[in-house]
Amino acid sequence: LPDEPNFQIVAGTAIAAPGASIVLPAVANAKVDYE
């Protein structure tokens, strides 16, 4: 476990609304995971 927070920055365009589809991308659709 890290002594300090481990972080990454991701694109704001990734946001989706409640009830919207999580779209499996054509270039990486086999191992899409939830968190």
PDB file of all heavy atoms in Angstrom:
ATOM      1  N   LEU A   1       0.841  -1.189   0.000  1.00  0.00           N
ATOM      2  CA  LEU A   1       0.000   0.000   0.000  1.00  0.00           C
ATOM      3  C   LEU A   1       0.880   1.245   0.000  1.00  0.00           C
ATOM      4  O   LEU A   1       1.879   1.310   0.726  1.00  0.00           O
ATOM      5  CB  LEU A   1      -0.923  -0.010   1.216  1.00  0.00           C
ATOM      6  CG  LEU A   1      -1.947  -1.160   1.233  1.00  0.00           C
ATOM      7  CD1 LEU A   1      -2.752  -1.131   2.514  1.00  0.00           C
ATOM      8  CD2 LEU A   1      -2.874  -1.087   0.025  1.00  0.00           C
ATOM      9  N   PRO A   2       0.531   2.237  -0.809  1.00  0.00           N
ATOM     10  CA  PRO A   2       1.419   3.395  -0.979  1.00  0.00           C
ATOM     11  C   PRO A   2       1.461   4.304   0.249  1.00  0.00           C
ATOM     12  O   PRO A   2       0.450   4.502   0.929  1.00  0.00           O
ATOM     13  CB  PRO A   2       0.803   4.130  -2.180  1.00  0.00           C
ATOM     14  CG  PRO A   2      -0.643   3.733  -2.170  1.00  0.00           C
ATOM     15  CD  PRO A   2      -0.673   2.320  -1.653  1.00  0.00           C
ATOM     16  N   ASP A   3       2.642   4.847   0.507  1.00  0.00           N
ATOM     17  CA  ASP A   3       2.785   5.811   1.601  1.00  0.00           C
ATOM     18  C   ASP A   3       2.111   7.133   1.270  1.00  0.00           C
ATOM     19  O   ASP A   3       1.684   7.862   2.165  1.00  0.00           O
ATOM     20  CB  ASP A   3       4.264   6.052   1.897  1.00  0.00           C
ATOM     21  CG  ASP A   3       4.963   4.818   2.456  1.00  0.00           C
ATOM     22  OD1 ASP A   3       4.286   4.021   3.127  1.00  0.00           O
ATOM     23  OD2 ASP A   3       6.161   4.657   2.211  1.00  0.00           O
ATOM     24  N   GLU A   4       2.026   7.454  -0.012  1.00  0.00           N
ATOM     25  CA  GLU A   4       1.353   8.661  -0.487  1.00  0.00           C
ATOM     26  C   GLU A   4       0.344   8.249  -1.553  1.00  0.00           C
ATOM     27  O   GLU A   4       0.502   7.204  -2.196  1.00  0.00           O
ATOM     28  CB  GLU A   4       2.370   9.657  -1.070  1.00  0.00           C
ATOM     29  CG  GLU A   4       3.356  10.168  -0.031  1.00  0.00           C
ATOM     30  CD  GLU A   4       4.354  11.152  -0.642  1.00  0.00           C
ATOM     31  OE1 GLU A   4       4.779  10.944  -1.788  1.00  0.00           O
ATOM     32  OE2 GLU A   4       4.681  12.140   0.042  1.00  0.00           O
ATOM     33  N   PRO A   5      -0.712   9.049  -1.768  1.00  0.00           N
ATOM     34  CA  PRO A   5      -1.726   8.666  -2.748  1.00  0.00           C
ATOM     35  C   PRO A   5      -1.131   8.430  -4.131  1.00  0.00           C
ATOM     36  O   PRO A   5      -0.315   9.211  -4.617  1.00  0.00           O
ATOM     37  CB  PRO A   5      -2.685   9.864  -2.744  1.00  0.00           C
ATOM     38  CG  PRO A   5      -2.544  10.440  -1.380  1.00  0.00           C
ATOM     39  CD  PRO A   5      -1.093  10.269  -1.026  1.00  0.00           C
ATOM     40  N   ASN A   6      -1.543   7.330  -4.733  1.00  0.00           N
ATOM     41  CA  ASN A   6      -1.159   6.977  -6.103  1.00  0.00           C
ATOM     42  C   ASN A   6      -2.248   7.508  -7.031  1.00  0.00           C
ATOM     43  O   ASN A   6      -3.420   7.195  -6.847  1.00  0.00           O
ATOM     44  CB  ASN A   6      -1.042   5.455  -6.189  1.00  0.00           C
ATOM     45  CG  ASN A   6      -0.869   4.933  -7.594  1.00  0.00           C
ATOM     46  OD1 ASN A   6      -1.821   4.918  -8.360  1.00  0.00           O
ATOM     47  ND2 ASN A   6       0.325   4.491  -7.916  1.00  0.00           N
ATOM     48  N   PHE A   7      -1.863   8.320  -8.029  1.00  0.00           N
ATOM     49  CA  PHE A   7      -2.930   8.906  -8.850  1.00  0.00           C
ATOM     50  C   PHE A   7      -2.590   8.927 -10.334  1.00  0.00           C
ATOM     51  O   PHE A   7      -1.430   8.896 -10.728  1.00  0.00           O
ATOM     52  CB  PHE A   7      -3.298  10.307  -8.363  1.00  0.00           C
ATOM     53  CG  PHE A   7      -2.304  11.399  -8.702  1.00  0.00           C
ATOM     54  CD1 PHE A   7      -2.469  12.174  -9.850  1.00  0.00           C
ATOM     55  CD2 PHE A   7      -1.230  11.679  -7.868  1.00  0.00           C
ATOM     56  CE1 PHE A   7      -1.578  13.188 -10.160  1.00  0.00           C
ATOM     57  CE2 PHE A   7      -0.336  12.693  -8.164  1.00  0.00           C
ATOM     58  CZ  PHE A   7      -0.508  13.453  -9.313  1.00  0.00           C
ATOM     59  N   GLN A   8      -3.662   8.977 -11.132  1.00  0.00           N
ATOM     60  CA  GLN A   8      -3.599   9.118 -12.583  1.00  0.00           C
ATOM     61  C   GLN A   8      -4.605  10.197 -12.976  1.00  0.00           C
ATOM     62  O   GLN A   8      -5.597  10.433 -12.270  1.00  0.00           O
ATOM     63  CB  GLN A   8      -3.968   7.818 -13.299  1.00  0.00           C
ATOM     64  CG  GLN A   8      -3.171   6.612 -12.872  1.00  0.00           C
ATOM     65  CD  GLN A   8      -1.751   6.627 -13.387  1.00  0.00           C
ATOM     66  OE1 GLN A   8      -1.474   7.215 -14.435  1.00  0.00           O
ATOM     67  NE2 GLN A   8      -0.834   5.987 -12.662  1.00  0.00           N
ATOM     68  N   ILE A   9      -4.362  10.832 -14.122  1.00  0.00           N
ATOM     69  CA  ILE A   9      -5.308  11.816 -14.665  1.00  0.00           C
ATOM     70  C   ILE A   9      -5.942  11.216 -15.913  1.00  0.00           C
ATOM     71  O   ILE A   9      -5.250  10.668 -16.780  1.00  0.00           O
ATOM     72  CB  ILE A   9      -4.604  13.140 -15.015  1.00  0.00           C
ATOM     73  CG1 ILE A   9      -3.935  13.721 -13.764  1.00  0.00           C
ATOM     74  CG2 ILE A   9      -5.596  14.140 -15.600  1.00  0.00           C
ATOM     75  CD1 ILE A   9      -3.134  14.976 -14.028  1.00  0.00           C
ATOM     76  N   VAL A  10      -7.275  11.307 -16.006  1.00  0.00           N
ATOM     77  CA  VAL A  10      -7.977  10.784 -17.177  1.00  0.00           C
ATOM     78  C   VAL A  10      -8.854  11.881 -17.784  1.00  0.00           C
ATOM     79  O   VAL A  10      -9.080  12.937 -17.190  1.00  0.00           O
ATOM     80  CB  VAL A  10      -8.812   9.535 -16.838  1.00  0.00           C
ATOM     81  CG1 VAL A  10      -7.940   8.465 -16.194  1.00  0.00           C
ATOM     82  CG2 VAL A  10      -9.971   9.870 -15.930  1.00  0.00           C
ATOM     83  N   ALA A  11      -9.349  11.605 -18.972  1.00  0.00           N
ATOM     84  CA  ALA A  11     -10.071  12.602 -19.751  1.00  0.00           C
ATOM     85  C   ALA A  11     -11.442  12.911 -19.168  1.00  0.00           C
ATOM     86  O   ALA A  11     -12.193  12.006 -18.783  1.00  0.00           O
ATOM     87  CB  ALA A  11     -10.232  12.125 -21.193  1.00  0.00           C
ATOM     88  N   GLY A  12     -11.792  14.199 -19.139  1.00  0.00           N
ATOM     89  CA  GLY A  12     -13.122  14.604 -18.686  1.00  0.00           C
ATOM     90  C   GLY A  12     -14.233  14.096 -19.583  1.00  0.00           C
ATOM     91  O   GLY A  12     -15.380  13.961 -19.148  1.00  0.00           O
ATOM     92  N   THR A  13     -13.921  13.787 -20.848  1.00  0.00           N
ATOM     93  CA  THR A  13     -14.925  13.287 -21.787  1.00  0.00           C
ATOM     94  C   THR A  13     -15.360  11.861 -21.474  1.00  0.00           C
ATOM     95  O   THR A  13     -16.270  11.340 -22.117  1.00  0.00           O
ATOM     96  CB  THR A  13     -14.381  13.345 -23.218  1.00  0.00           C
ATOM     97  OG1 THR A  13     -13.077  12.745 -23.253  1.00  0.00           O
ATOM     98  CG2 THR A  13     -14.282  14.775 -23.717  1.00  0.00           C
ATOM     99  N   ALA A  14     -14.728  11.222 -20.477  1.00  0.00           N
ATOM    100  CA  ALA A  14     -15.128   9.861 -20.090  1.00  0.00           C
ATOM    101  C   ALA A  14     -16.418   9.837 -19.279  1.00  0.00           C
ATOM    102  O   ALA A  14     -17.018   8.776 -19.098  1.00  0.00           O
ATOM    103  CB  ALA A  14     -14.011   9.197 -19.287  1.00  0.00           C
ATOM    104  N   ILE A  15     -16.893  10.991 -18.801  1.00  0.00           N
ATOM    105  CA  ILE A  15     -18.089  11.045 -17.949  1.00  0.00           C
ATOM    106  C   ILE A  15     -19.326  10.556 -18.710  1.00  0.00           C
ATOM    107  O   ILE A  15     -19.520  10.870 -19.895  1.00  0.00           O
ATOM    108  CB  ILE A  15     -18.322  12.477 -17.440  1.00  0.00           C
ATOM    109  CG1 ILE A  15     -17.215  12.901 -16.475  1.00  0.00           C
ATOM    110  CG2 ILE A  15     -19.689  12.606 -16.775  1.00  0.00           C
ATOM    111  CD1 ILE A  15     -17.208  12.172 -15.145  1.00  0.00           C
ATOM    112  N   ALA A  16     -20.150   9.772 -18.012  1.00  0.00           N
ATOM    113  CA  ALA A  16     -21.440   9.330 -18.556  1.00  0.00           C
ATOM    114  C   ALA A  16     -22.512   9.533 -17.498  1.00  0.00           C
ATOM    115  O   ALA A  16     -22.227   9.580 -16.294  1.00  0.00           O
ATOM    116  CB  ALA A  16     -21.376   7.864 -18.967  1.00  0.00           C
ATOM    117  N   ALA A  17     -23.741   9.628 -17.933  1.00  0.00           N
ATOM    118  CA  ALA A  17     -24.864   9.888 -17.039  1.00  0.00           C
ATOM    119  C   ALA A  17     -25.363   8.606 -16.383  1.00  0.00           C
ATOM    120  O   ALA A  17     -25.134   7.501 -16.895  1.00  0.00           O
ATOM    121  CB  ALA A  17     -26.007  10.533 -17.824  1.00  0.00           C
ATOM    122  N   PRO A  18     -26.058   8.722 -15.270  1.00  0.00           N
ATOM    123  CA  PRO A  18     -26.765   7.562 -14.720  1.00  0.00           C
ATOM    124  C   PRO A  18     -27.709   6.981 -15.775  1.00  0.00           C
ATOM    125  O   PRO A  18     -28.386   7.723 -16.490  1.00  0.00           O
ATOM    126  CB  PRO A  18     -27.551   8.147 -13.548  1.00  0.00           C
ATOM    127  CG  PRO A  18     -26.828   9.394 -13.170  1.00  0.00           C
ATOM    128  CD  PRO A  18     -26.278   9.939 -14.448  1.00  0.00           C
ATOM    129  N   GLY A  19     -27.730   5.673 -15.894  1.00  0.00           N
ATOM    130  CA  GLY A  19     -28.607   5.022 -16.861  1.00  0.00           C
ATOM    131  C   GLY A  19     -28.050   4.923 -18.262  1.00  0.00           C
ATOM    132  O   GLY A  19     -28.612   4.217 -19.100  1.00  0.00           O
ATOM    133  N   ALA A  20     -26.951   5.617 -18.534  1.00  0.00           N
ATOM    134  CA  ALA A  20     -26.364   5.581 -19.872  1.00  0.00           C
ATOM    135  C   ALA A  20     -25.601   4.285 -20.086  1.00  0.00           C
ATOM    136  O   ALA A  20     -25.249   3.568 -19.143  1.00  0.00           O
ATOM    137  CB  ALA A  20     -25.434   6.775 -20.070  1.00  0.00           C
ATOM    138  N   SER A  21     -25.315   3.987 -21.339  1.00  0.00           N
ATOM    139  CA  SER A  21     -24.543   2.794 -21.667  1.00  0.00           C
ATOM    140  C   SER A  21     -23.061   3.014 -21.412  1.00  0.00           C
ATOM    141  O   SER A  21     -22.509   4.067 -21.740  1.00  0.00           O
ATOM    142  CB  SER A  21     -24.730   2.423 -23.138  1.00  0.00           C
ATOM    143  OG  SER A  21     -26.033   1.977 -23.393  1.00  0.00           O
ATOM    144  N   ILE A  22     -22.420   2.004 -20.832  1.00  0.00           N
ATOM    145  CA  ILE A  22     -20.965   1.899 -20.844  1.00  0.00           C
ATOM    146  C   ILE A  22     -20.629   1.197 -22.146  1.00  0.00           C
ATOM    147  O   ILE A  22     -21.006   0.038 -22.359  1.00  0.00           O
ATOM    148  CB  ILE A  22     -20.466   1.092 -19.634  1.00  0.00           C
ATOM    149  CG1 ILE A  22     -20.830   1.800 -18.330  1.00  0.00           C
ATOM    150  CG2 ILE A  22     -18.966   0.847 -19.731  1.00  0.00           C
ATOM    151  CD1 ILE A  22     -20.662   0.924 -17.098  1.00  0.00           C
ATOM    152  N   VAL A  23     -19.943   1.891 -23.027  1.00  0.00           N
ATOM    153  CA  VAL A  23     -19.712   1.367 -24.376  1.00  0.00           C
ATOM    154  C   VAL A  23     -18.386   0.623 -24.425  1.00  0.00           C
ATOM    155  O   VAL A  23     -17.330   1.181 -24.111  1.00  0.00           O
ATOM    156  CB  VAL A  23     -19.730   2.514 -25.408  1.00  0.00           C
ATOM    157  CG1 VAL A  23     -19.470   1.960 -26.815  1.00  0.00           C
ATOM    158  CG2 VAL A  23     -21.069   3.243 -25.365  1.00  0.00           C
ATOM    159  N   LEU A  24     -18.436  -0.642 -24.823  1.00  0.00           N
ATOM    160  CA  LEU A  24     -17.221  -1.420 -24.983  1.00  0.00           C
ATOM    161  C   LEU A  24     -16.494  -0.945 -26.232  1.00  0.00           C
ATOM    162  O   LEU A  24     -17.021  -1.067 -27.342  1.00  0.00           O
ATOM    163  CB  LEU A  24     -17.560  -2.905 -25.111  1.00  0.00           C
ATOM    164  CG  LEU A  24     -18.316  -3.540 -23.939  1.00  0.00           C
ATOM    165  CD1 LEU A  24     -18.669  -4.987 -24.253  1.00  0.00           C
ATOM    166  CD2 LEU A  24     -17.501  -3.454 -22.656  1.00  0.00           C
ATOM    167  N   PRO A  25     -15.293  -0.382 -26.096  1.00  0.00           N
ATOM    168  CA  PRO A  25     -14.618   0.185 -27.265  1.00  0.00           C
ATOM    169  C   PRO A  25     -14.109  -0.899 -28.204  1.00  0.00           C
ATOM    170  O   PRO A  25     -13.672  -1.968 -27.765  1.00  0.00           O
ATOM    171  CB  PRO A  25     -13.452   0.967 -26.651  1.00  0.00           C
ATOM    172  CG  PRO A  25     -13.188   0.307 -25.348  1.00  0.00           C
ATOM    173  CD  PRO A  25     -14.512  -0.209 -24.856  1.00  0.00           C
ATOM    174  N   ALA A  26     -14.157  -0.617 -29.501  1.00  0.00           N
ATOM    175  CA  ALA A  26     -13.750  -1.612 -30.495  1.00  0.00           C
ATOM    176  C   ALA A  26     -12.298  -2.030 -30.324  1.00  0.00           C
ATOM    177  O   ALA A  26     -11.946  -3.185 -30.568  1.00  0.00           O
ATOM    178  CB  ALA A  26     -13.989  -1.063 -31.901  1.00  0.00           C
ATOM    179  N   VAL A  27     -11.446  -1.111 -29.883  1.00  0.00           N
ATOM    180  CA  VAL A  27     -10.007  -1.418 -29.797  1.00  0.00           C
ATOM    181  C   VAL A  27      -9.634  -2.130 -28.504  1.00  0.00           C
ATOM    182  O   VAL A  27      -8.500  -2.594 -28.362  1.00  0.00           O
ATOM    183  CB  VAL A  27      -9.151  -0.132 -29.932  1.00  0.00           C
ATOM    184  CG1 VAL A  27      -9.369   0.500 -31.290  1.00  0.00           C
ATOM    185  CG2 VAL A  27      -9.449   0.861 -28.816  1.00  0.00           C
ATOM    186  N   ALA A  28     -10.563  -2.227 -27.556  1.00  0.00           N
ATOM    187  CA  ALA A  28     -10.238  -2.862 -26.269  1.00  0.00           C
ATOM    188  C   ALA A  28     -11.526  -3.292 -25.590  1.00  0.00           C
ATOM    189  O   ALA A  28     -11.931  -2.740 -24.576  1.00  0.00           O
ATOM    190  CB  ALA A  28      -9.462  -1.897 -25.379  1.00  0.00           C
ATOM    191  N   ASN A  29     -12.172  -4.323 -26.139  1.00  0.00           N
ATOM    192  CA  ASN A  29     -13.496  -4.704 -25.627  1.00  0.00           C
ATOM    193  C   ASN A  29     -13.519  -6.008 -24.857  1.00  0.00           C
ATOM    194  O   ASN A  29     -14.558  -6.410 -24.350  1.00  0.00           O
ATOM    195  CB  ASN A  29     -14.507  -4.768 -26.773  1.00  0.00           C
ATOM    196  CG  ASN A  29     -14.112  -5.763 -27.855  1.00  0.00           C
ATOM    197  OD1 ASN A  29     -13.292  -6.657 -27.620  1.00  0.00           O
ATOM    198  ND2 ASN A  29     -14.690  -5.615 -29.035  1.00  0.00           N
ATOM    199  N   ALA A  30     -12.378  -6.684 -24.733  1.00  0.00           N
ATOM    200  CA  ALA A  30     -12.383  -8.032 -24.165  1.00  0.00           C
ATOM    201  C   ALA A  30     -12.227  -8.061 -22.648  1.00  0.00           C
ATOM    202  O   ALA A  30     -12.656  -9.021 -22.000  1.00  0.00           O
ATOM    203  CB  ALA A  30     -11.275  -8.871 -24.808  1.00  0.00           C
ATOM    204  N   LYS A  31     -11.589  -7.048 -22.070  1.00  0.00           N
ATOM    205  CA  LYS A  31     -11.277  -7.079 -20.642  1.00  0.00           C
ATOM    206  C   LYS A  31     -11.648  -5.762 -19.969  1.00  0.00           C
ATOM    207  O   LYS A  31     -10.850  -5.140 -19.274  1.00  0.00           O
ATOM    208  CB  LYS A  31      -9.796  -7.400 -20.431  1.00  0.00           C
ATOM    209  CG  LYS A  31      -9.422  -8.797 -20.893  1.00  0.00           C
ATOM    210  CD  LYS A  31      -7.966  -9.137 -20.575  1.00  0.00           C
ATOM    211  CE  LYS A  31      -7.650 -10.572 -20.976  1.00  0.00           C
ATOM    212  NZ  LYS A  31      -6.249 -10.936 -20.656  1.00  0.00           N
ATOM    213  N   VAL A  32     -12.881  -5.349 -20.174  1.00  0.00           N
ATOM    214  CA  VAL A  32     -13.385  -4.118 -19.566  1.00  0.00           C
ATOM    215  C   VAL A  32     -13.939  -4.466 -18.182  1.00  0.00           C
ATOM    216  O   VAL A  32     -14.706  -5.415 -18.023  1.00  0.00           O
ATOM    217  CB  VAL A  32     -14.451  -3.472 -20.453  1.00  0.00           C
ATOM    218  CG1 VAL A  32     -15.072  -2.260 -19.763  1.00  0.00           C
ATOM    219  CG2 VAL A  32     -13.831  -3.056 -21.793  1.00  0.00           C
ATOM    220  N   ASP A  33     -13.545  -3.678 -17.189  1.00  0.00           N
ATOM    221  CA  ASP A  33     -13.810  -3.997 -15.789  1.00  0.00           C
ATOM    222  C   ASP A  33     -14.490  -2.821 -15.100  1.00  0.00           C
ATOM    223  O   ASP A  33     -14.318  -1.658 -15.485  1.00  0.00           O
ATOM    224  CB  ASP A  33     -12.474  -4.301 -15.098  1.00  0.00           C
ATOM    225  CG  ASP A  33     -12.613  -5.140 -13.842  1.00  0.00           C
ATOM    226  OD1 ASP A  33     -13.749  -5.427 -13.427  1.00  0.00           O
ATOM    227  OD2 ASP A  33     -11.560  -5.503 -13.273  1.00  0.00           O
ATOM    228  N   TYR A  34     -15.248  -3.120 -14.054  1.00  0.00           N
ATOM    229  CA  TYR A  34     -15.916  -2.120 -13.218  1.00  0.00           C
ATOM    230  C   TYR A  34     -15.055  -1.831 -11.990  1.00  0.00           C
ATOM    231  O   TYR A  34     -14.249  -2.663 -11.553  1.00  0.00           O
ATOM    232  CB  TYR A  34     -17.274  -2.657 -12.748  1.00  0.00           C
ATOM    233  CG  TYR A  34     -17.128  -3.980 -12.022  1.00  0.00           C
ATOM    234  CD1 TYR A  34     -16.870  -4.030 -10.655  1.00  0.00           C
ATOM    235  CD2 TYR A  34     -17.192  -5.184 -12.716  1.00  0.00           C
ATOM    236  CE1 TYR A  34     -16.682  -5.233  -9.998  1.00  0.00           C
ATOM    237  CE2 TYR A  34     -17.007  -6.398 -12.072  1.00  0.00           C
ATOM    238  CZ  TYR A  34     -16.747  -6.413 -10.712  1.00  0.00           C
ATOM    239  OH  TYR A  34     -16.543  -7.615 -10.076  1.00  0.00           O
ATOM    240  N   GLU A  35     -15.240  -0.653 -11.403  1.00  0.00           N
ATOM    241  CA  GLU A  35     -14.665  -0.315 -10.102  1.00  0.00           C
ATOM    242  C   GLU A  35     -15.619   0.641  -9.407  1.00  0.00           C
ATOM    243  O   GLU A  35     -15.689   1.819  -9.757  1.00  0.00           O
ATOM    244  CB  GLU A  35     -13.282   0.347 -10.238  1.00  0.00           C
ATOM    245  CG  GLU A  35     -12.202  -0.554 -10.820  1.00  0.00           C
ATOM    246  CD  GLU A  35     -10.820   0.094 -10.792  1.00  0.00           C
ATOM    247  OE1 GLU A  35     -10.588   0.986  -9.932  1.00  0.00           O
ATOM    248  OE2 GLU A  35      -9.984  -0.269 -11.637  1.00  0.00           O
TER     249      GLU A  35
END
